[in-house]
Amino acid sequence: MKYRKLGLKGPEISTVGFGAWGISGRDWGNTDDKSSKNAIHAALDAGVNFIDTADVYGFGHSEELIRQVLDERSDKDKIVIASKAGNNFYPFIGQDCDITPGNNDYSVKHLEFAVEESLKRLNIERLDILQLHSPGLEILEQDEAWQALERLKNSGKIKHAGWSVQSFQETAQAHILERHHDLIDVIQVRYNLLEREAEDVLFPMALKYGTGVIVRIPLLFGFLSGKFNITSTFGKNDHRKLNLSPEKLSAYLENITSYQSVFDKYPRFSMAQLSLRFCISHPASHVVIPGGKTQNQVQENAVASDIDFIPYEAFVK
């Protein structure tokens, strides 16, 4: 496992992290907590020291599972935890929701409350990183969410302030980093072989300011593992029913053919490993956060960190 500093201000982290949405018990179909905990342990045993979660994942369940794992480990003080807030799920607790409902709240009051609740669930005194959870531009143009991050930093509740950029708004929202780069230590960006808009404006800006970059959705909800085809279907409690609809699968399957020569050139590595390698090969990127529900998945993902002899240029069309 390779390690690097998360931007100029961030901590030293593994270049492959653990994305903890998929283990939350919500939005990804049925999950098994024992298997999920084993997956986190396997990731940490493989050298991963960075876990990305959010308070809304499983209505707090993801954070609770992470705490249970950390409580079982002697190296828990070395693990960097990043969480997110801004979706007020609390009114929906106890309701039967197949897919997590949206209820945006980026007020100072809610964000401070949300952090306190995350700290309780994680059983820690301070979050390493708190990220605004994919707010729209209207919210970003206002002051309150930024005031909340500043207050949380000054109070010692969070060490680093972050912002998870809304999907498909990587260019439209890039000017926000220009405006708040003094406060923003880290951004999280949707980026993968088939979705590369972040390269146009946002990544050059992150390099300019030394902003840490966390890459999410690196395997495109599992599509870039090579295990789905046009006939793949998902249950009503799985967000991929929409995000990997037959129409989207068809488009993705057509686009992925342009990378077949790369996959053929490195047959020792899986499609997933090469797709992850691409994400962390870009000069602006510091860490990739694939999910993993099983030990085998996370062990396979971890290999991507060590195939750094495959350059970014290998994936340029």
C-alpha atoms as a PDB file:
ATOM      1  CA  MET A   1       0.000   0.000   0.000  1.00  0.00           C
ATOM      2  CA  LYS A   2       1.261   3.442  -0.960  1.00  0.00           C
ATOM      3  CA  TYR A   3       0.623   6.568   1.108  1.00  0.00           C
ATOM      4  CA  ARG A   4       0.556  10.265   0.319  1.00  0.00           C
ATOM      5  CA  LYS A   5      -0.451  13.512   1.945  1.00  0.00           C
ATOM      6  CA  LEU A   6      -4.039  14.553   1.228  1.00  0.00           C
ATOM      7  CA  GLY A   7      -3.197  17.899  -0.333  1.00  0.00           C
ATOM      8  CA  LEU A   8      -1.063  20.557   1.315  1.00  0.00           C
ATOM      9  CA  LYS A   9      -3.003  20.569   4.594  1.00  0.00           C
ATOM     10  CA  GLY A  10      -4.427  17.067   4.884  1.00  0.00           C
ATOM     11  CA  PRO A  11      -3.211  13.949   6.713  1.00  0.00           C
ATOM     12  CA  GLU A  12      -1.015  11.162   5.350  1.00  0.00           C
ATOM     13  CA  ILE A  13      -3.366   8.534   3.938  1.00  0.00           C
ATOM     14  CA  SER A  14      -3.399   5.368   1.837  1.00  0.00           C
ATOM     15  CA  THR A  15      -4.029   5.985  -1.856  1.00  0.00           C
ATOM     16  CA  VAL A  16      -6.840   3.423  -1.722  1.00  0.00           C
ATOM     17  CA  GLY A  17      -9.416   4.092   0.953  1.00  0.00           C
ATOM     18  CA  PHE A  18     -12.690   2.480   2.008  1.00  0.00           C
ATOM     19  CA  GLY A  19     -16.003   3.974   0.921  1.00  0.00           C
ATOM     20  CA  ALA A  20     -18.604   3.119   3.543  1.00  0.00           C
ATOM     21  CA  TRP A  21     -21.907   3.814   1.782  1.00  0.00           C
ATOM     22  CA  GLY A  22     -22.359   0.271   0.502  1.00  0.00           C
ATOM     23  CA  ILE A  23     -22.196  -1.285   3.980  1.00  0.00           C
ATOM     24  CA  SER A  24     -24.849   1.013   5.422  1.00  0.00           C
ATOM     25  CA  GLY A  25     -27.781  -1.354   4.984  1.00  0.00           C
ATOM     26  CA  ARG A  26     -29.619   1.137   2.804  1.00  0.00           C
ATOM     27  CA  ASP A  27     -29.588   2.070  -0.910  1.00  0.00           C
ATOM     28  CA  TRP A  28     -27.407  -0.869  -2.002  1.00  0.00           C
ATOM     29  CA  GLY A  29     -29.764  -3.767  -1.475  1.00  0.00           C
ATOM     30  CA  ASN A  30     -29.533  -6.105   1.486  1.00  0.00           C
ATOM     31  CA  THR A  31     -26.305  -6.223   3.482  1.00  0.00           C
ATOM     32  CA  ASP A  32     -24.950  -8.332   6.314  1.00  0.00           C
ATOM     33  CA  ASP A  33     -23.320  -6.448   9.201  1.00  0.00           C
ATOM     34  CA  LYS A  34     -20.898  -9.251  10.022  1.00  0.00           C
ATOM     35  CA  SER A  35     -19.693  -9.390   6.429  1.00  0.00           C
ATOM     36  CA  SER A  36     -19.485  -5.594   6.323  1.00  0.00           C
ATOM     37  CA  LYS A  37     -17.350  -5.455   9.449  1.00  0.00           C
ATOM     38  CA  ASN A  38     -15.104  -8.186   8.100  1.00  0.00           C
ATOM     39  CA  ALA A  39     -14.697  -6.131   4.923  1.00  0.00           C
ATOM     40  CA  ILE A  40     -13.590  -3.073   6.910  1.00  0.00           C
ATOM     41  CA  HIS A  41     -11.149  -5.178   8.929  1.00  0.00           C
ATOM     42  CA  ALA A  42      -9.759  -6.681   5.710  1.00  0.00           C
ATOM     43  CA  ALA A  43      -9.260  -3.217   4.222  1.00  0.00           C
ATOM     44  CA  LEU A  44      -7.412  -1.999   7.312  1.00  0.00           C
ATOM     45  CA  ASP A  45      -5.314  -5.170   7.408  1.00  0.00           C
ATOM     46  CA  ALA A  46      -4.360  -4.488   3.774  1.00  0.00           C
ATOM     47  CA  GLY A  47      -2.959  -1.103   4.758  1.00  0.00           C
ATOM     48  CA  VAL A  48      -5.977   1.126   4.167  1.00  0.00           C
ATOM     49  CA  ASN A  49      -6.010   3.913   6.773  1.00  0.00           C
ATOM     50  CA  PHE A  50      -8.709   6.157   5.282  1.00  0.00           C
ATOM     51  CA  ILE A  51     -12.458   5.590   5.659  1.00  0.00           C
ATOM     52  CA  ASP A  52     -15.048   7.831   4.040  1.00  0.00           C
ATOM     53  CA  THR A  53     -18.622   7.793   5.295  1.00  0.00           C
ATOM     54  CA  ALA A  54     -21.582  10.132   5.861  1.00  0.00           C
ATOM     55  CA  ASP A  55     -24.090  10.592   8.625  1.00  0.00           C
ATOM     56  CA  VAL A  56     -26.972   9.803   6.251  1.00  0.00           C
ATOM     57  CA  TYR A  57     -25.572   6.423   5.168  1.00  0.00           C
ATOM     58  CA  GLY A  58     -28.001   3.967   6.693  1.00  0.00           C
ATOM     59  CA  PHE A  59     -29.314   6.794   8.888  1.00  0.00           C
ATOM     60  CA  GLY A  60     -26.125   6.591  10.937  1.00  0.00           C
ATOM     61  CA  HIS A  61     -25.608   2.843  10.633  1.00  0.00           C
ATOM     62  CA  SER A  62     -22.432   3.162   8.563  1.00  0.00           C
ATOM     63  CA  GLU A  63     -20.789   5.289  11.240  1.00  0.00           C
ATOM     64  CA  GLU A  64     -21.916   2.864  13.944  1.00  0.00           C
ATOM     65  CA  LEU A  65     -20.350  -0.099  12.125  1.00  0.00           C
ATOM     66  CA  ILE A  66     -17.108   1.823  11.710  1.00  0.00           C
ATOM     67  CA  ARG A  67     -17.029   2.507  15.440  1.00  0.00           C
ATOM     68  CA  GLN A  68     -17.578  -1.175  16.206  1.00  0.00           C
ATOM     69  CA  VAL A  69     -14.636  -2.104  13.991  1.00  0.00           C
ATOM     70  CA  LEU A  70     -12.362   0.567  15.449  1.00  0.00           C
ATOM     71  CA  ASP A  71     -13.249  -0.575  18.967  1.00  0.00           C
ATOM     72  CA  GLU A  72     -11.896  -4.007  18.027  1.00  0.00           C
ATOM     73  CA  ARG A  73      -8.538  -2.728  16.772  1.00  0.00           C
ATOM     74  CA  SER A  74      -5.329  -1.634  18.460  1.00  0.00           C
ATOM     75  CA  ASP A  75      -4.446   0.688  15.553  1.00  0.00           C
ATOM     76  CA  LYS A  76      -7.652   2.755  15.605  1.00  0.00           C
ATOM     77  CA  ASP A  77      -5.790   5.979  16.404  1.00  0.00           C
ATOM     78  CA  LYS A  78      -4.028   5.705  13.038  1.00  0.00           C
ATOM     79  CA  ILE A  79      -7.254   5.556  11.012  1.00  0.00           C
ATOM     80  CA  VAL A  80      -8.410   8.776   9.333  1.00  0.00           C
ATOM     81  CA  ILE A  81     -12.189   9.219   9.281  1.00  0.00           C
ATOM     82  CA  ALA A  82     -13.973  11.533   6.857  1.00  0.00           C
ATOM     83  CA  SER A  83     -17.711  12.035   7.157  1.00  0.00           C
ATOM     84  CA  LYS A  84     -20.310  14.270   5.531  1.00  0.00           C
ATOM     85  CA  ALA A  85     -23.403  16.189   6.581  1.00  0.00           C
ATOM     86  CA  GLY A  86     -26.143  18.281   5.033  1.00  0.00           C
ATOM     87  CA  ASN A  87     -28.962  15.776   4.470  1.00  0.00           C
ATOM     88  CA  ASN A  88     -31.261  15.945   7.487  1.00  0.00           C
ATOM     89  CA  PHE A  89     -32.517  12.378   7.686  1.00  0.00           C
ATOM     90  CA  TYR A  90     -33.568  12.570  11.316  1.00  0.00           C
ATOM     91  CA  PRO A  91     -37.301  13.200  10.604  1.00  0.00           C
ATOM     92  CA  PHE A  92     -37.376   9.950   8.597  1.00  0.00           C
ATOM     93  CA  ILE A  93     -35.955   7.646  11.262  1.00  0.00           C
ATOM     94  CA  GLY A  94     -38.382   4.811  11.890  1.00  0.00           C
ATOM     95  CA  GLN A  95     -40.114   5.229   8.536  1.00  0.00           C
ATOM     96  CA  ASP A  96     -40.034   2.557   5.849  1.00  0.00           C
ATOM     97  CA  CYS A  97     -37.904   4.100   3.092  1.00  0.00           C
ATOM     98  CA  ASP A  98     -36.560   1.903   0.286  1.00  0.00           C
ATOM     99  CA  ILE A  99     -34.188   4.663  -0.848  1.00  0.00           C
ATOM    100  CA  THR A 100     -32.829   7.425   1.397  1.00  0.00           C
ATOM    101  CA  PRO A 101     -34.964  10.548   0.980  1.00  0.00           C
ATOM    102  CA  GLY A 102     -33.358  13.917   0.379  1.00  0.00           C
ATOM    103  CA  ASN A 103     -33.876  16.685   2.923  1.00  0.00           C
ATOM    104  CA  ASN A 104     -31.166  19.299   2.542  1.00  0.00           C
ATOM    105  CA  ASP A 105     -30.191  21.370   5.556  1.00  0.00           C
ATOM    106  CA  TYR A 106     -26.866  23.208   5.526  1.00  0.00           C
ATOM    107  CA  SER A 107     -27.720  25.622   8.310  1.00  0.00           C
ATOM    108  CA  VAL A 108     -25.211  26.280  11.070  1.00  0.00           C
ATOM    109  CA  LYS A 109     -27.670  24.813  13.566  1.00  0.00           C
ATOM    110  CA  HIS A 110     -28.108  21.542  11.680  1.00  0.00           C
ATOM    111  CA  LEU A 111     -24.468  21.063  10.695  1.00  0.00           C
ATOM    112  CA  GLU A 112     -23.288  21.588  14.273  1.00  0.00           C
ATOM    113  CA  PHE A 113     -25.965  19.178  15.513  1.00  0.00           C
ATOM    114  CA  ALA A 114     -25.075  16.640  12.810  1.00  0.00           C
ATOM    115  CA  VAL A 115     -21.395  16.685  13.752  1.00  0.00           C
ATOM    116  CA  GLU A 116     -22.183  16.124  17.417  1.00  0.00           C
ATOM    117  CA  GLU A 117     -24.302  13.111  16.492  1.00  0.00           C
ATOM    118  CA  SER A 118     -21.591  11.712  14.223  1.00  0.00           C
ATOM    119  CA  LEU A 119     -19.020  12.087  16.983  1.00  0.00           C
ATOM    120  CA  LYS A 120     -21.290  10.118  19.324  1.00  0.00           C
ATOM    121  CA  ARG A 121     -21.852   7.328  16.800  1.00  0.00           C
ATOM    122  CA  LEU A 122     -18.144   7.109  15.996  1.00  0.00           C
ATOM    123  CA  ASN A 123     -17.160   7.507  19.666  1.00  0.00           C
ATOM    124  CA  ILE A 124     -14.502  10.094  18.866  1.00  0.00           C
ATOM    125  CA  GLU A 125     -13.867  13.657  20.044  1.00  0.00           C
ATOM    126  CA  ARG A 126     -13.062  15.200  16.657  1.00  0.00           C
ATOM    127  CA  LEU A 127     -13.682  14.363  13.014  1.00  0.00           C
ATOM    128  CA  ASP A 128     -10.574  14.297  10.859  1.00  0.00           C
ATOM    129  CA  ILE A 129     -12.584  15.654   7.923  1.00  0.00           C
ATOM    130  CA  LEU A 130     -16.139  16.949   7.580  1.00  0.00           C
ATOM    131  CA  GLN A 131     -17.455  17.474   4.071  1.00  0.00           C
ATOM    132  CA  LEU A 132     -20.545  19.360   2.944  1.00  0.00           C
ATOM    133  CA  HIS A 133     -22.562  16.557   1.357  1.00  0.00           C
ATOM    134  CA  SER A 134     -23.024  17.501  -2.306  1.00  0.00           C
ATOM    135  CA  PRO A 135     -24.978  20.760  -1.951  1.00  0.00           C
ATOM    136  CA  GLY A 136     -26.448  22.515  -4.958  1.00  0.00           C
ATOM    137  CA  LEU A 137     -25.033  25.777  -6.254  1.00  0.00           C
ATOM    138  CA  GLU A 138     -27.706  27.872  -4.551  1.00  0.00           C
ATOM    139  CA  ILE A 139     -26.496  26.644  -1.158  1.00  0.00           C
ATOM    140  CA  LEU A 140     -22.846  27.043  -2.065  1.00  0.00           C
ATOM    141  CA  GLU A 141     -23.383  30.659  -3.098  1.00  0.00           C
ATOM    142  CA  GLN A 142     -24.721  31.490   0.375  1.00  0.00           C
ATOM    143  CA  ASP A 143     -22.577  32.016   3.453  1.00  0.00           C
ATOM    144  CA  GLU A 144     -24.140  29.801   6.111  1.00  0.00           C
ATOM    145  CA  ALA A 145     -22.613  26.427   5.248  1.00  0.00           C
ATOM    146  CA  TRP A 146     -19.134  27.989   5.090  1.00  0.00           C
ATOM    147  CA  GLN A 147     -19.717  29.751   8.386  1.00  0.00           C
ATOM    148  CA  ALA A 148     -20.633  26.381   9.892  1.00  0.00           C
ATOM    149  CA  LEU A 149     -17.397  24.782   8.661  1.00  0.00           C
ATOM    150  CA  GLU A 150     -15.378  27.658  10.054  1.00  0.00           C
ATOM    151  CA  ARG A 151     -17.105  27.466  13.429  1.00  0.00           C
ATOM    152  CA  LEU A 152     -16.631  23.700  13.596  1.00  0.00           C
ATOM    153  CA  LYS A 153     -12.944  24.085  12.802  1.00  0.00           C
ATOM    154  CA  ASN A 154     -12.462  26.829  15.372  1.00  0.00           C
ATOM    155  CA  SER A 155     -14.267  24.814  18.048  1.00  0.00           C
ATOM    156  CA  GLY A 156     -12.058  21.778  17.434  1.00  0.00           C
ATOM    157  CA  LYS A 157     -14.954  19.533  16.401  1.00  0.00           C
ATOM    158  CA  ILE A 158     -13.381  18.958  12.983  1.00  0.00           C
ATOM    159  CA  LYS A 159      -9.744  19.082  11.945  1.00  0.00           C
ATOM    160  CA  HIS A 160     -10.212  19.639   8.209  1.00  0.00           C
ATOM    161  CA  ALA A 161     -13.047  21.193   6.208  1.00  0.00           C
ATOM    162  CA  GLY A 162     -14.176  19.549   3.014  1.00  0.00           C
ATOM    163  CA  TRP A 163     -16.755  19.763   0.273  1.00  0.00           C
ATOM    164  CA  SER A 164     -18.225  16.910  -1.741  1.00  0.00           C
ATOM    165  CA  VAL A 165     -18.869  18.358  -5.194  1.00  0.00           C
ATOM    166  CA  GLN A 166     -22.292  17.566  -6.624  1.00  0.00           C
ATOM    167  CA  SER A 167     -22.218  14.925  -9.353  1.00  0.00           C
ATOM    168  CA  PHE A 168     -22.088  16.275 -12.908  1.00  0.00           C
ATOM    169  CA  GLN A 169     -21.489  19.805 -11.595  1.00  0.00           C
ATOM    170  CA  GLU A 170     -17.704  19.545 -11.488  1.00  0.00           C
ATOM    171  CA  THR A 171     -17.228  22.495 -13.855  1.00  0.00           C
ATOM    172  CA  ALA A 172     -20.331  24.511 -12.954  1.00  0.00           C
ATOM    173  CA  GLN A 173     -19.326  24.547  -9.275  1.00  0.00           C
ATOM    174  CA  ALA A 174     -15.553  24.886  -9.725  1.00  0.00           C
ATOM    175  CA  HIS A 175     -15.557  28.616  -8.982  1.00  0.00           C
ATOM    176  CA  ILE A 176     -16.624  27.787  -5.413  1.00  0.00           C
ATOM    177  CA  LEU A 177     -13.176  26.307  -4.780  1.00  0.00           C
ATOM    178  CA  GLU A 178     -11.627  29.505  -6.119  1.00  0.00           C
ATOM    179  CA  ARG A 179     -13.731  31.503  -3.672  1.00  0.00           C
ATOM    180  CA  HIS A 180     -13.248  29.338  -0.560  1.00  0.00           C
ATOM    181  CA  HIS A 181      -9.863  27.673  -1.093  1.00  0.00           C
ATOM    182  CA  ASP A 182      -8.511  29.129   2.153  1.00  0.00           C
ATOM    183  CA  LEU A 183     -11.158  27.239   4.139  1.00  0.00           C
ATOM    184  CA  ILE A 184     -11.509  24.098   1.996  1.00  0.00           C
ATOM    185  CA  ASP A 185      -8.756  21.595   2.707  1.00  0.00           C
ATOM    186  CA  VAL A 186     -10.328  18.729   0.769  1.00  0.00           C
ATOM    187  CA  ILE A 187     -12.802  18.173  -2.033  1.00  0.00           C
ATOM    188  CA  GLN A 188     -14.536  14.948  -2.990  1.00  0.00           C
ATOM    189  CA  VAL A 189     -15.233  14.438  -6.688  1.00  0.00           C
ATOM    190  CA  ARG A 190     -17.112  11.986  -8.879  1.00  0.00           C
ATOM    191  CA  TYR A 191     -14.481  10.677 -11.273  1.00  0.00           C
ATOM    192  CA  ASN A 192     -13.898   7.450 -13.176  1.00  0.00           C
ATOM    193  CA  LEU A 193     -12.826   6.153 -16.567  1.00  0.00           C
ATOM    194  CA  LEU A 194     -16.165   7.055 -18.160  1.00  0.00           C
ATOM    195  CA  GLU A 195     -16.879  10.309 -16.275  1.00  0.00           C
ATOM    196  CA  ARG A 196     -13.917  12.671 -16.546  1.00  0.00           C
ATOM    197  CA  GLU A 197     -15.358  16.186 -16.436  1.00  0.00           C
ATOM    198  CA  ALA A 198     -13.335  16.971 -13.312  1.00  0.00           C
ATOM    199  CA  GLU A 199     -10.195  17.028 -15.468  1.00  0.00           C
ATOM    200  CA  ASP A 200     -11.330  20.139 -17.344  1.00  0.00           C
ATOM    201  CA  VAL A 201     -11.425  22.877 -14.676  1.00  0.00           C
ATOM    202  CA  LEU A 202     -11.717  21.446 -11.166  1.00  0.00           C
ATOM    203  CA  PHE A 203      -8.577  19.317 -11.071  1.00  0.00           C
ATOM    204  CA  PRO A 204      -6.303  22.085 -12.399  1.00  0.00           C
ATOM    205  CA  MET A 205      -7.761  24.403  -9.769  1.00  0.00           C
ATOM    206  CA  ALA A 206      -7.184  21.840  -7.007  1.00  0.00           C
ATOM    207  CA  LEU A 207      -3.567  21.530  -8.135  1.00  0.00           C
ATOM    208  CA  LYS A 208      -3.232  25.320  -8.092  1.00  0.00           C
ATOM    209  CA  TYR A 209      -4.355  25.553  -4.464  1.00  0.00           C
ATOM    210  CA  GLY A 210      -2.939  22.270  -3.168  1.00  0.00           C
ATOM    211  CA  THR A 211      -6.427  21.006  -2.325  1.00  0.00           C
ATOM    212  CA  GLY A 212      -6.752  17.376  -1.314  1.00  0.00           C
ATOM    213  CA  VAL A 213      -8.847  15.338  -3.753  1.00  0.00           C
ATOM    214  CA  ILE A 214     -10.906  12.298  -2.773  1.00  0.00           C
ATOM    215  CA  VAL A 215     -12.280  10.356  -5.756  1.00  0.00           C
ATOM    216  CA  ARG A 216     -15.708   8.771  -5.320  1.00  0.00           C
ATOM    217  CA  ILE A 217     -17.704   6.444  -7.593  1.00  0.00           C
ATOM    218  CA  PRO A 218     -14.425   5.177  -9.103  1.00  0.00           C
ATOM    219  CA  LEU A 219     -16.007   1.900 -10.196  1.00  0.00           C
ATOM    220  CA  LEU A 220     -19.223   3.563 -11.380  1.00  0.00           C
ATOM    221  CA  PHE A 221     -21.423   1.747  -8.859  1.00  0.00           C
ATOM    222  CA  GLY A 222     -19.706  -1.543  -9.705  1.00  0.00           C
ATOM    223  CA  PHE A 223     -20.023  -1.276 -13.488  1.00  0.00           C
ATOM    224  CA  LEU A 224     -16.250  -0.926 -13.910  1.00  0.00           C
ATOM    225  CA  SER A 225     -15.708  -4.211 -12.128  1.00  0.00           C
ATOM    226  CA  GLY A 226     -17.001  -5.837 -15.307  1.00  0.00           C
ATOM    227  CA  LYS A 227     -19.736  -7.802 -13.573  1.00  0.00           C
ATOM    228  CA  PHE A 228     -22.805  -6.114 -15.108  1.00  0.00           C
ATOM    229  CA  ASN A 229     -24.328  -6.351 -18.575  1.00  0.00           C
ATOM    230  CA  ILE A 230     -27.395  -5.017 -20.346  1.00  0.00           C
ATOM    231  CA  THR A 231     -29.631  -7.580 -18.615  1.00  0.00           C
ATOM    232  CA  SER A 232     -28.483  -6.695 -15.060  1.00  0.00           C
ATOM    233  CA  THR A 233     -31.300  -5.657 -12.731  1.00  0.00           C
ATOM    234  CA  PHE A 234     -31.482  -4.281  -9.185  1.00  0.00           C
ATOM    235  CA  GLY A 235     -34.034  -4.382  -6.384  1.00  0.00           C
ATOM    236  CA  LYS A 236     -36.280  -1.503  -5.354  1.00  0.00           C
ATOM    237  CA  ASN A 237     -34.050  -0.873  -2.313  1.00  0.00           C
ATOM    238  CA  ASP A 238     -30.964  -0.441  -4.510  1.00  0.00           C
ATOM    239  CA  HIS A 239     -30.219   3.011  -5.966  1.00  0.00           C
ATOM    240  CA  ARG A 240     -28.531   1.333  -8.935  1.00  0.00           C
ATOM    241  CA  LYS A 241     -32.014   0.577 -10.273  1.00  0.00           C
ATOM    242  CA  LEU A 242     -31.893   4.204 -11.476  1.00  0.00           C
ATOM    243  CA  ASN A 243     -28.163   4.901 -11.694  1.00  0.00           C
ATOM    244  CA  LEU A 244     -27.501   1.754 -13.723  1.00  0.00           C
ATOM    245  CA  SER A 245     -30.774   1.631 -15.643  1.00  0.00           C
ATOM    246  CA  PRO A 246     -30.822  -0.350 -18.907  1.00  0.00           C
ATOM    247  CA  GLU A 247     -30.390   2.892 -20.854  1.00  0.00           C
ATOM    248  CA  LYS A 248     -27.349   3.954 -18.833  1.00  0.00           C
ATOM    249  CA  LEU A 249     -25.867   0.463 -18.898  1.00  0.00           C
ATOM    250  CA  SER A 250     -26.159   0.445 -22.665  1.00  0.00           C
ATOM    251  CA  ALA A 251     -24.312   3.769 -22.957  1.00  0.00           C
ATOM    252  CA  TYR A 252     -21.613   2.701 -20.495  1.00  0.00           C
ATOM    253  CA  LEU A 253     -21.091  -0.619 -22.295  1.00  0.00           C
ATOM    254  CA  GLU A 254     -20.610   1.230 -25.561  1.00  0.00           C
ATOM    255  CA  ASN A 255     -18.128   3.709 -24.062  1.00  0.00           C
ATOM    256  CA  ILE A 256     -16.016   1.181 -22.181  1.00  0.00           C
ATOM    257  CA  THR A 257     -14.934  -0.520 -25.405  1.00  0.00           C
ATOM    258  CA  SER A 258     -12.479   2.322 -26.066  1.00  0.00           C
ATOM    259  CA  TYR A 259     -10.439   1.163 -23.054  1.00  0.00           C
ATOM    260  CA  GLN A 260     -10.292  -2.508 -23.987  1.00  0.00           C
ATOM    261  CA  SER A 261      -6.733  -2.133 -25.247  1.00  0.00           C
ATOM    262  CA  VAL A 262      -5.645  -0.987 -21.767  1.00  0.00           C
ATOM    263  CA  PHE A 263      -7.321  -3.959 -20.100  1.00  0.00           C
ATOM    264  CA  ASP A 264      -5.705  -6.283 -22.650  1.00  0.00           C
ATOM    265  CA  LYS A 265      -2.257  -4.736 -22.102  1.00  0.00           C
ATOM    266  CA  TYR A 266      -2.275  -5.554 -18.369  1.00  0.00           C
ATOM    267  CA  PRO A 267      -3.954  -8.974 -18.106  1.00  0.00           C
ATOM    268  CA  ARG A 268      -2.509  -9.617 -14.633  1.00  0.00           C
ATOM    269  CA  PHE A 269      -4.879  -7.065 -13.198  1.00  0.00           C
ATOM    270  CA  SER A 270      -8.658  -7.022 -13.078  1.00  0.00           C
ATOM    271  CA  MET A 271     -10.821  -4.421 -14.746  1.00  0.00           C
ATOM    272  CA  ALA A 272     -11.645  -3.048 -11.297  1.00  0.00           C
ATOM    273  CA  GLN A 273      -7.986  -2.737 -10.289  1.00  0.00           C
ATOM    274  CA  LEU A 274      -7.082  -0.927 -13.507  1.00  0.00           C
ATOM    275  CA  SER A 275     -10.084   1.377 -13.185  1.00  0.00           C
ATOM    276  CA  LEU A 276      -9.021   2.303  -9.648  1.00  0.00           C
ATOM    277  CA  ARG A 277      -5.433   2.770 -10.795  1.00  0.00           C
ATOM    278  CA  PHE A 278      -6.636   5.282 -13.380  1.00  0.00           C
ATOM    279  CA  CYS A 279      -8.369   7.379 -10.726  1.00  0.00           C
ATOM    280  CA  ILE A 280      -5.291   7.744  -8.521  1.00  0.00           C
ATOM    281  CA  SER A 281      -2.903   8.194 -11.428  1.00  0.00           C
ATOM    282  CA  HIS A 282      -4.141  11.709 -12.167  1.00  0.00           C
ATOM    283  CA  PRO A 283      -1.745  14.289 -10.647  1.00  0.00           C
ATOM    284  CA  ALA A 284      -4.583  16.049  -8.807  1.00  0.00           C
ATOM    285  CA  SER A 285      -5.972  12.903  -7.167  1.00  0.00           C
ATOM    286  CA  HIS A 286      -4.813  11.655  -3.777  1.00  0.00           C
ATOM    287  CA  VAL A 287      -7.128   8.819  -2.765  1.00  0.00           C
ATOM    288  CA  VAL A 288      -9.851   6.667  -4.273  1.00  0.00           C
ATOM    289  CA  ILE A 289     -12.702   5.328  -2.124  1.00  0.00           C
ATOM    290  CA  PRO A 290     -14.274   2.201  -3.626  1.00  0.00           C
ATOM    291  CA  GLY A 291     -16.887   0.452  -1.564  1.00  0.00           C
ATOM    292  CA  GLY A 292     -16.669  -3.171  -0.597  1.00  0.00           C
ATOM    293  CA  LYS A 293     -19.130  -5.553   1.011  1.00  0.00           C
ATOM    294  CA  THR A 294     -16.760  -8.526   1.272  1.00  0.00           C
ATOM    295  CA  GLN A 295     -13.170  -9.234   2.253  1.00  0.00           C
ATOM    296  CA  ASN A 296     -12.326 -10.384  -1.268  1.00  0.00           C
ATOM    297  CA  GLN A 297     -13.575  -7.167  -2.820  1.00  0.00           C
ATOM    298  CA  VAL A 298     -11.530  -4.882  -0.588  1.00  0.00           C
ATOM    299  CA  GLN A 299      -8.413  -7.025  -0.923  1.00  0.00           C
ATOM    300  CA  GLU A 300      -8.732  -6.819  -4.697  1.00  0.00           C
ATOM    301  CA  ASN A 301      -9.237  -3.049  -4.513  1.00  0.00           C
ATOM    302  CA  ALA A 302      -6.145  -2.532  -2.364  1.00  0.00           C
ATOM    303  CA  VAL A 303      -3.875  -3.913  -5.098  1.00  0.00           C
ATOM    304  CA  ALA A 304      -4.544  -0.796  -7.205  1.00  0.00           C
ATOM    305  CA  SER A 305      -2.346   1.258  -4.885  1.00  0.00           C
ATOM    306  CA  ASP A 306       0.750  -0.735  -5.786  1.00  0.00           C
ATOM    307  CA  ILE A 307       0.420  -0.776  -9.571  1.00  0.00           C
ATOM    308  CA  ASP A 308       1.791   2.747  -9.795  1.00  0.00           C
ATOM    309  CA  PHE A 309       3.967   1.792 -12.751  1.00  0.00           C
ATOM    310  CA  ILE A 310       0.859   2.248 -14.939  1.00  0.00           C
ATOM    311  CA  PRO A 311       0.797   5.982 -15.729  1.00  0.00           C
ATOM    312  CA  TYR A 312      -2.166   8.277 -16.253  1.00  0.00           C
ATOM    313  CA  GLU A 313      -1.127   8.594 -19.896  1.00  0.00           C
ATOM    314  CA  ALA A 314      -1.931   4.916 -20.461  1.00  0.00           C
ATOM    315  CA  PHE A 315      -5.622   5.799 -20.097  1.00  0.00           C
ATOM    316  CA  VAL A 316      -5.677   8.871 -22.337  1.00  0.00           C
ATOM    317  CA  LYS A 317      -7.593   8.182 -25.521  1.00  0.00           C
END
